[in-house]
Protein backbone atom coordinates (compact mmCIF):
# COMPACT_ATOMS: atom_id res chain seq x y z
CA UNK A 1 229.01 137.16 144.96
CA UNK A 2 228.51 137.57 141.26
CA UNK A 3 229.53 140.84 139.86
CA UNK A 4 227.56 142.70 137.13
CA UNK A 5 229.81 144.99 135.02
CA UNK A 6 228.80 147.14 132.11
CA UNK A 7 231.51 147.28 129.47
CA UNK A 8 231.16 148.62 125.94
CA UNK A 9 227.46 147.81 125.78
CA UNK A 10 227.97 144.18 126.80
CA UNK A 11 225.84 142.73 129.62
CA UNK A 12 227.74 140.44 131.91
CA UNK A 13 225.59 138.44 134.31
CA UNK A 14 223.86 135.08 134.68
CA UNK A 15 223.81 134.50 130.87
CA UNK A 16 227.59 134.44 131.16
CA UNK A 17 228.15 137.10 128.66
CA UNK A 18 225.69 135.82 125.88
CA UNK A 19 225.24 138.80 123.50
CA UNK A 20 221.70 140.29 122.99
CA UNK A 21 220.51 140.70 119.36
CA UNK A 22 220.25 144.17 118.00
CA UNK A 23 216.88 145.97 118.44
CA UNK A 24 215.95 145.96 114.77
CA UNK A 25 216.61 142.26 114.40
CA UNK A 26 214.45 141.44 117.45
CA UNK A 27 211.47 143.35 116.00
CA UNK A 28 211.61 141.55 112.67
CA UNK A 29 211.46 138.18 114.39
CA UNK A 30 208.44 139.11 116.55
CA UNK A 31 206.20 140.24 113.62
CA UNK A 32 205.56 136.78 112.04
CA UNK A 33 204.78 135.30 115.43
CA UNK A 34 202.21 137.99 116.15
CA UNK A 35 200.46 137.48 112.78
CA UNK A 36 200.26 133.73 113.40
CA UNK A 37 198.67 134.27 116.80
CA UNK A 38 196.11 136.65 115.34
CA UNK A 39 195.16 134.12 112.60
CA UNK A 40 194.78 131.32 115.13
CA UNK A 41 192.62 133.52 117.32
CA UNK A 42 190.47 134.50 114.33
CA UNK A 43 189.91 130.90 113.23
CA UNK A 44 189.05 129.89 116.73
CA UNK A 45 186.41 132.63 116.88
CA UNK A 46 184.69 131.41 113.63
CA UNK A 47 184.31 127.93 115.00
CA UNK A 48 182.36 129.26 118.01
CA UNK A 49 179.55 131.07 115.95
CA UNK A 50 176.02 129.42 116.13
CA UNK A 51 174.20 128.41 112.82
CA UNK A 52 171.02 130.31 111.78
CA UNK A 53 167.73 128.70 113.10
CA UNK A 54 165.62 126.63 110.61
CA UNK A 55 162.47 128.32 109.24
CA UNK A 56 159.10 126.98 110.44
CA UNK A 57 157.05 125.69 107.48
CA UNK A 58 153.44 126.92 107.35
CA UNK A 59 150.62 126.45 104.86
CA UNK A 60 149.29 129.82 103.73
CA UNK A 61 145.88 130.74 102.38
CA UNK A 62 145.23 134.04 100.64
CA UNK A 63 141.93 135.52 101.81
CA UNK A 64 139.50 136.00 98.93
CA UNK A 65 135.70 136.15 98.62
CA UNK A 66 134.16 132.69 98.11
CA UNK A 67 130.59 131.69 97.26
CA UNK A 68 128.72 129.93 100.05
CA UNK A 69 125.23 128.44 100.06
CA UNK A 70 122.99 129.75 102.81
CA UNK A 71 120.49 127.04 103.65
CA UNK A 72 118.80 125.04 106.38
CA UNK A 73 118.42 121.28 106.60
CA UNK A 74 115.44 119.37 107.95
CA UNK A 75 115.16 115.68 108.68
CA UNK A 76 112.36 114.06 106.68
CA UNK A 77 110.74 110.62 106.60
CA UNK A 78 109.69 108.76 103.46
CA UNK A 79 106.16 107.43 103.02
CA UNK A 80 104.62 105.55 100.06
CA UNK A 81 102.27 107.31 97.67
CA UNK A 82 99.44 104.99 98.76
CA UNK A 83 98.99 101.91 100.89
CA UNK A 84 96.14 99.41 101.35
CA UNK A 85 95.36 96.17 103.16
CA UNK A 86 93.64 93.28 101.39
CA UNK A 87 91.28 90.86 103.17
CA UNK A 88 88.54 88.44 102.11
CA UNK A 89 84.99 89.60 102.81
CA UNK A 90 83.98 86.08 103.87
CA UNK A 91 85.59 83.14 105.56
CA UNK A 92 87.08 80.34 103.54
CA UNK A 93 90.04 78.10 102.80
CA UNK A 94 92.88 79.50 100.69
CA UNK A 95 93.07 77.61 97.42
CA UNK A 96 96.05 79.30 95.74
CA UNK A 97 98.29 82.37 95.61
CA UNK A 98 99.57 84.25 92.60
CA UNK A 99 102.67 82.67 91.09
CA UNK A 100 105.31 84.78 89.38
CA UNK A 101 105.84 83.36 85.87
CA UNK A 102 109.58 83.98 85.67
CA UNK A 103 110.38 82.71 89.16
CA UNK A 104 107.78 79.91 89.33
CA UNK A 105 106.93 80.58 92.98
CA UNK A 106 104.18 82.09 95.07
CA UNK A 107 104.13 85.84 95.57
CA UNK A 108 106.39 87.07 98.35
CA UNK A 109 107.17 90.29 100.20
CA UNK A 110 108.96 92.73 97.90
CA UNK A 111 107.30 91.60 94.67
CA UNK A 112 105.69 94.33 92.55
CA UNK A 113 102.39 93.56 90.82
CA UNK A 114 100.19 95.30 88.26
CA UNK A 115 96.63 96.47 88.80
CA UNK A 116 94.04 93.67 88.35
CA UNK A 117 96.36 90.81 89.33
CA UNK A 118 94.57 88.05 91.29
CA UNK A 119 96.92 87.70 94.23
CA UNK A 120 94.97 85.03 96.20
CA UNK A 121 91.86 82.86 95.80
CA UNK A 122 89.60 80.85 98.13
CA UNK A 123 88.09 77.46 97.38
CA UNK A 124 84.93 77.98 95.32
CA UNK A 125 82.85 74.88 96.32
CA UNK A 126 80.43 76.35 98.87
CA UNK A 127 80.36 79.70 97.10
CA UNK A 128 79.54 78.17 93.76
CA UNK A 129 76.72 76.09 95.26
CA UNK A 130 75.25 79.14 96.95
CA UNK A 131 75.40 81.07 93.71
CA UNK A 132 73.76 78.23 91.73
CA UNK A 133 70.99 77.86 94.33
CA UNK A 134 70.28 81.57 94.27
CA UNK A 135 70.06 81.53 90.48
CA UNK A 136 67.56 78.63 90.62
CA UNK A 137 65.47 80.40 93.23
CA UNK A 138 65.29 83.52 91.07
CA UNK A 139 64.24 81.48 88.02
CA UNK A 140 61.51 79.77 90.02
CA UNK A 141 60.11 83.03 91.34
CA UNK A 142 60.25 84.63 87.92
CA UNK A 143 57.99 81.82 86.62
CA UNK A 144 55.65 82.23 89.56
CA UNK A 145 55.40 85.96 88.97
CA UNK A 146 54.67 85.37 85.27
CA UNK A 147 51.87 82.93 86.09
CA UNK A 148 50.40 85.29 88.67
CA UNK A 149 50.36 88.12 86.14
CA UNK A 150 48.58 85.93 83.58
CA UNK A 151 45.97 84.88 86.17
CA UNK A 152 45.43 88.52 87.09
CA UNK A 153 44.91 89.40 83.42
CA UNK A 154 42.21 86.67 83.01
CA UNK A 155 40.45 87.66 86.22
CA UNK A 156 40.40 91.29 85.17
CA UNK A 157 38.86 90.43 81.76
CA UNK A 158 36.14 88.27 83.37
CA UNK A 159 35.17 91.07 85.73
CA UNK A 160 34.99 93.54 82.87
CA UNK A 161 32.71 91.14 80.91
CA UNK A 162 30.38 90.84 83.87
CA UNK A 163 30.28 94.60 84.25
CA UNK A 164 29.42 95.03 80.56
CA UNK A 165 26.51 92.48 80.68
CA UNK A 166 23.41 94.34 81.88
CA UNK A 167 20.69 92.23 83.54
CA UNK A 168 22.01 88.83 82.34
CA UNK A 169 24.57 88.23 85.20
CA UNK A 170 23.65 87.82 88.77
CA UNK A 171 25.24 89.94 91.44
CA UNK A 172 26.73 86.84 93.10
CA UNK A 173 28.61 85.83 89.93
CA UNK A 174 30.02 89.33 89.53
CA UNK A 175 31.22 89.38 93.15
CA UNK A 176 33.01 86.05 92.67
CA UNK A 177 34.77 87.39 89.57
CA UNK A 178 35.89 90.43 91.50
CA UNK A 179 37.18 88.24 94.32
CA UNK A 180 39.29 86.18 91.89
CA UNK A 181 40.76 89.39 90.41
CA UNK A 182 41.73 90.65 93.86
CA UNK A 183 43.31 87.30 94.75
CA UNK A 184 45.26 87.26 91.47
CA UNK A 185 46.51 90.77 92.14
CA UNK A 186 47.67 89.70 95.62
CA UNK A 187 49.49 86.73 94.16
CA UNK A 188 51.30 88.95 91.67
CA UNK A 189 52.39 91.30 94.45
CA UNK A 190 53.65 88.41 96.62
CA UNK A 191 55.48 86.78 93.71
CA UNK A 192 57.20 90.06 92.76
CA UNK A 193 58.23 90.68 96.37
CA UNK A 194 59.70 87.17 96.71
CA UNK A 195 61.44 87.58 93.36
CA UNK A 196 63.01 90.85 94.50
CA UNK A 197 64.36 89.17 97.64
CA UNK A 198 65.69 86.26 95.62
CA UNK A 199 67.47 88.60 93.27
CA UNK A 200 69.15 90.35 96.23
CA UNK A 201 70.32 86.98 97.50
CA UNK A 202 71.58 86.11 94.04
CA UNK A 203 73.53 89.37 93.87
CA UNK A 204 75.06 88.59 97.24
CA UNK A 205 75.94 85.06 96.13
CA UNK A 206 77.53 86.41 92.94
CA UNK A 207 79.42 89.03 94.95
CA UNK A 208 80.65 86.39 97.40
CA UNK A 209 81.72 84.21 94.53
CA UNK A 210 83.68 87.07 92.99
CA UNK A 211 85.16 88.07 96.36
CA UNK A 212 86.75 84.67 96.74
CA UNK A 213 89.58 86.40 94.86
CA UNK A 214 91.82 89.18 96.12
CA UNK A 215 92.63 91.59 93.28
CA UNK A 216 95.43 94.21 93.28
CA UNK A 217 93.66 97.62 93.22
CA UNK A 218 96.45 99.85 91.78
CA UNK A 219 99.55 99.72 89.60
CA UNK A 220 103.13 99.43 90.93
CA UNK A 221 101.79 97.61 94.01
CA UNK A 222 104.67 96.25 96.10
CA UNK A 223 103.91 93.56 98.69
CA UNK A 224 104.96 95.04 102.03
CA UNK A 225 103.38 92.38 104.26
CA UNK A 226 102.05 88.85 103.71
CA UNK A 227 99.91 86.90 106.21
CA UNK A 228 98.48 84.08 104.12
CA UNK A 229 99.51 80.67 102.82
CA UNK A 230 97.78 78.06 100.59
CA UNK A 231 95.46 75.70 102.50
CA UNK A 232 95.07 78.13 105.39
CA UNK A 233 91.62 78.92 106.78
CA UNK A 234 91.04 82.66 106.78
CA UNK A 235 88.32 84.46 108.72
CA UNK A 236 86.28 87.20 107.15
CA UNK A 237 88.04 90.60 107.09
CA UNK A 238 91.29 89.10 108.33
CA UNK A 239 94.20 90.97 106.65
CA UNK A 240 96.06 88.81 104.16
CA UNK A 241 98.31 91.34 102.34
CA UNK A 242 99.47 94.91 102.75
CA UNK A 243 100.38 96.64 99.49
CA UNK A 244 102.22 99.94 98.94
CA UNK A 245 103.01 102.06 95.90
CA UNK A 246 106.61 103.35 96.09
CA UNK A 247 106.97 104.38 92.45
CA UNK A 248 106.14 107.85 93.75
CA UNK A 249 106.96 108.89 97.32
CA UNK A 250 106.04 111.47 99.91
CA UNK A 251 108.68 113.11 102.12
CA UNK A 252 107.26 114.57 105.35
CA UNK A 253 109.09 117.10 107.50
CA UNK A 254 108.18 119.93 109.87
CA UNK A 255 109.05 123.61 109.45
CA UNK A 256 108.57 126.51 111.89
CA UNK A 257 105.98 129.20 111.32
CA UNK A 258 108.69 131.71 110.34
CA UNK A 259 109.33 129.71 107.15
CA UNK A 260 105.76 129.43 105.88
CA UNK A 261 105.27 131.87 103.02
CA UNK A 262 105.67 132.59 99.30
CA UNK A 263 109.14 133.51 97.97
CA UNK A 264 107.52 136.04 95.61
CA UNK A 265 106.36 138.03 98.63
CA UNK A 266 109.12 137.49 101.15
CA UNK A 267 112.50 139.17 100.53
CA UNK A 268 114.38 136.10 101.82
CA UNK A 269 113.29 133.18 99.63
CA UNK A 270 115.99 130.96 101.10
CA UNK A 271 114.09 130.90 104.38
CA UNK A 272 110.59 130.21 103.00
CA UNK A 273 108.55 127.18 101.95
CA UNK A 274 105.46 127.37 99.74
CA UNK A 275 103.28 125.09 97.62
CA UNK A 276 104.82 124.15 94.27
CA UNK A 277 108.35 124.96 95.43
CA UNK A 278 111.23 122.66 94.37
CA UNK A 279 113.47 121.48 97.23
CA UNK A 280 116.68 119.43 97.24
CA UNK A 281 116.69 116.04 99.00
CA UNK A 282 119.79 114.09 100.07
CA UNK A 283 120.14 110.73 101.83
CA UNK A 284 123.04 109.38 103.88
CA UNK A 285 122.40 105.94 102.41
CA UNK A 286 123.14 107.29 98.90
CA UNK A 287 125.90 109.86 99.44
CA UNK A 288 126.54 112.01 96.41
CA UNK A 289 123.02 111.68 94.94
CA UNK A 290 120.86 114.79 94.91
CA UNK A 291 117.10 114.42 94.34
CA UNK A 292 114.40 117.03 93.94
CA UNK A 293 110.83 117.07 95.21
CA UNK A 294 107.86 119.42 94.93
CA UNK A 295 106.00 120.82 97.94
CA UNK A 296 102.47 119.43 97.59
CA UNK A 297 101.05 119.95 101.07
CA UNK A 298 101.49 122.31 104.02
CA UNK A 299 99.41 121.58 107.12
CA UNK A 300 96.94 124.34 108.04
CA UNK A 301 97.77 124.05 111.75
CA UNK A 302 100.92 123.34 113.75
CA UNK A 303 101.64 120.10 115.57
CA UNK A 304 100.68 120.48 119.23
CA UNK A 305 103.94 118.87 120.41
CA UNK A 306 106.63 120.16 118.05
CA UNK A 307 104.88 123.43 117.14
CA UNK A 308 105.94 122.92 113.52
CA UNK A 309 103.86 122.65 110.36
CA UNK A 310 103.85 119.31 108.56
CA UNK A 311 105.14 119.85 105.03
CA UNK A 312 104.99 117.17 102.35
CA UNK A 313 107.14 116.75 99.24
CA UNK A 314 106.25 114.49 96.32
CA UNK A 315 108.86 112.98 94.01
CA UNK A 316 109.22 110.13 91.54
CA UNK A 317 111.30 107.34 93.06
CA UNK A 318 114.42 106.82 90.88
CA UNK A 319 115.52 103.28 90.07
CA UNK A 320 118.91 101.67 90.56
CA UNK A 321 119.58 98.28 88.93
CA UNK A 322 115.86 97.78 88.41
CA UNK A 323 115.02 98.49 92.06
CA UNK A 324 113.54 101.62 93.60
CA UNK A 325 116.27 103.73 95.17
CA UNK A 326 114.33 105.11 98.14
CA UNK A 327 112.27 103.02 100.54
CA UNK A 328 109.64 103.97 103.14
CA UNK A 329 111.15 104.52 106.57
CA UNK A 330 114.42 105.97 105.28
CA UNK A 331 115.63 109.23 106.82
CA UNK A 332 116.54 111.95 104.35
CA UNK A 333 117.61 115.59 104.57
CA UNK A 334 115.55 118.33 102.97
CA UNK A 335 117.59 121.40 102.04
CA UNK A 336 115.69 124.69 102.09
CA UNK A 337 117.34 127.61 100.30
CA UNK A 338 120.38 125.78 98.93
CA UNK A 339 120.30 127.79 95.71
CA UNK A 340 120.62 131.18 97.40
CA UNK A 341 124.35 132.05 97.42
CA UNK A 342 126.47 134.92 98.72
CA UNK A 343 130.18 135.67 99.06
CA UNK A 344 132.21 135.39 102.26
CA UNK A 345 135.80 135.27 103.49
CA UNK A 346 136.45 131.74 104.76
CA UNK A 347 139.25 130.20 106.81
CA UNK A 348 139.78 126.66 108.12
CA UNK A 349 139.19 126.10 111.81
CA UNK A 350 142.89 125.37 112.28
CA UNK A 351 143.76 128.97 111.39
CA UNK A 352 141.84 130.42 114.35
CA UNK A 353 143.67 130.83 117.70
CA UNK A 354 142.84 132.13 121.15
CA UNK A 355 143.84 135.77 121.70
CA UNK A 356 145.03 137.50 124.80
CA UNK A 357 141.59 137.20 126.38
CA UNK A 358 138.81 134.65 126.24
CA UNK A 359 136.67 136.88 124.05
CA UNK A 360 139.45 137.67 121.57
CA UNK A 361 140.29 135.49 118.57
CA UNK A 362 143.25 135.94 116.25
CA UNK A 363 145.07 134.57 113.23
CA UNK A 364 148.69 134.67 112.11
CA UNK A 365 149.22 136.79 108.99
CA UNK A 366 152.36 136.13 106.96
CA UNK A 367 154.12 139.37 105.98
CA UNK A 368 157.51 140.12 104.43
CA UNK A 369 160.20 141.90 106.41
CA UNK A 370 163.64 142.46 104.92
CA UNK A 371 162.95 139.84 102.28
CA UNK A 372 161.93 137.17 104.79
CA UNK A 373 158.44 135.90 105.80
CA UNK A 374 157.39 136.44 109.38
CA UNK A 375 154.04 135.93 111.14
CA UNK A 376 152.13 138.69 112.87
CA UNK A 377 149.07 138.27 115.12
CA UNK A 378 145.88 139.80 113.77
CA UNK A 379 142.53 140.14 115.53
CA UNK A 380 139.49 138.62 113.71
CA UNK A 381 135.72 138.63 114.12
CA UNK A 382 133.94 135.44 113.04
CA UNK A 383 130.55 134.62 111.52
CA UNK A 384 128.89 131.32 110.59
CA UNK A 385 130.40 127.91 109.87
CA UNK A 386 130.36 126.49 106.32
CA UNK A 387 131.69 122.96 105.73
CA UNK A 388 134.31 123.11 108.52
CA UNK A 389 135.31 126.62 107.49
CA UNK A 390 134.48 129.73 109.45
CA UNK A 391 133.50 133.09 108.01
CA UNK A 392 135.73 136.09 108.75
CA UNK A 393 133.70 139.28 109.10
CA UNK A 394 135.17 142.48 107.69
CA UNK A 395 133.89 144.52 110.62
CA UNK A 396 136.02 143.96 113.68
CA UNK A 397 138.86 142.13 111.86
CA UNK A 398 142.41 143.30 111.15
CA UNK A 399 142.65 141.23 107.96
CA UNK A 400 141.11 141.83 104.55
CA UNK A 401 140.98 140.22 101.09
CA UNK A 402 144.53 139.56 99.94
CA UNK A 403 145.89 138.87 103.43
CA UNK A 404 148.09 135.77 103.65
CA UNK A 405 146.97 133.68 106.62
CA UNK A 406 148.85 130.74 108.15
CA UNK A 407 146.30 127.92 108.27
CA UNK A 408 148.35 124.89 109.35
CA UNK A 409 151.75 124.28 110.89
CA UNK A 410 153.49 121.58 112.86
CA UNK A 411 154.91 123.99 115.47
CA UNK A 412 153.55 126.64 117.80
CA UNK A 413 153.78 130.08 116.25
CA UNK A 414 154.68 133.29 118.02
CA UNK A 415 154.46 136.90 116.90
CA UNK A 416 157.47 137.81 114.75
CA UNK A 417 158.60 134.22 114.09
CA UNK A 418 160.35 133.62 110.75
CA UNK A 419 158.54 131.05 108.64
CA UNK A 420 158.70 129.31 105.28
CA UNK A 421 155.31 129.77 103.60
CA UNK A 422 153.71 127.15 101.33
CA UNK A 423 150.46 127.62 99.35
CA UNK A 424 147.37 125.50 99.95
CA UNK A 425 147.31 122.24 97.98
CA UNK A 426 143.47 121.93 97.85
CA UNK A 427 140.87 124.27 96.46
CA UNK A 428 138.34 125.43 99.01
CA UNK A 429 136.43 127.81 96.77
CA UNK A 430 133.20 125.86 97.11
CA UNK A 431 131.50 125.14 100.40
CA UNK A 432 128.51 123.04 101.25
CA UNK A 433 125.26 124.42 102.70
CA UNK A 434 125.35 125.38 106.32
CA UNK A 435 124.04 122.60 108.56
CA UNK A 436 121.82 123.62 111.39
């Protein structure tokens, strides 16, 4: 067995008498090792810390009163100022059509003609012969009537001479003179009657001869329809052309009875239509152009089907590259009350979110907390829609002018989330009229 003996502070055992270092020396050696371990442990702890989360970018709009146009839009149809159909009063063969000097061709649909233009003409042969015959008949009867009047004058003088001769003329001779006067008077009456009939026939022949031509009855006449060609046989009263005047147009639309009235009387002029009122007209075919027409007619009774009152605007048709801008049949929008403006708080649709219930709507307001932007849910009450923006009503809303509202973001927001706010890049101060 091994023996363990204590002698003069020396340990004798398994280490075979290896001396232990003094206590002070052992403590000085342990201190550097401990500091190294602490440093390693500290560095290891820093490597395990998570980085701060990235801020969610949001576009922010500052609520401020904006002017909006309160109006209503009605669909209207365009009609020409006037329209007419041309047809010959008598049958005949078409001799020629009007030829445009610059184009050297017959008139076609779309051409615009001046008043008095002869647009078509029938062959004059039969008509000219009828007119000449009627003129000859009138001349013949005029001569007959003149002769009859002269005969009546002679017979009347002879009878007067017999009446003035006392006792020298027999009663038989006087009766014969009276008979000749009566016969002469009858001849005059018959000749004048026949002459009157002949003159009527002559007037008809002259009228037929003139009516072999179709004449444009008004200025700015545009050919809307053509049903005639040279050499064609046309029946009497068969339509050959349809002409329209589109230099000035009518716009027809219907309004309800609640909008019929004078702005001077009604406190809400934006919702009223009256004679002489100026209204704005827009057309999808010509986006960006704004026209203006005058109310010239309001129907005295409502349409039995739509229960609206037919209202008519009149406007001068503007020209574009020498052509009329608007055409009959186009659909336009009539804006009623576009000039009546008010102020409202507006937000894009993307800024509105569903609240905790189906009837509750909210927005995310950006506020500062400890120098950082965070979003907070705010309850809002909404009004009308104006050009894809919705009105925020002051009553029932937790936001007010000056509030910073998150309008767009690429991530889902939650209450208290830290965000990086960016201002709007577009100006939404102006809004278009409300479409209804």
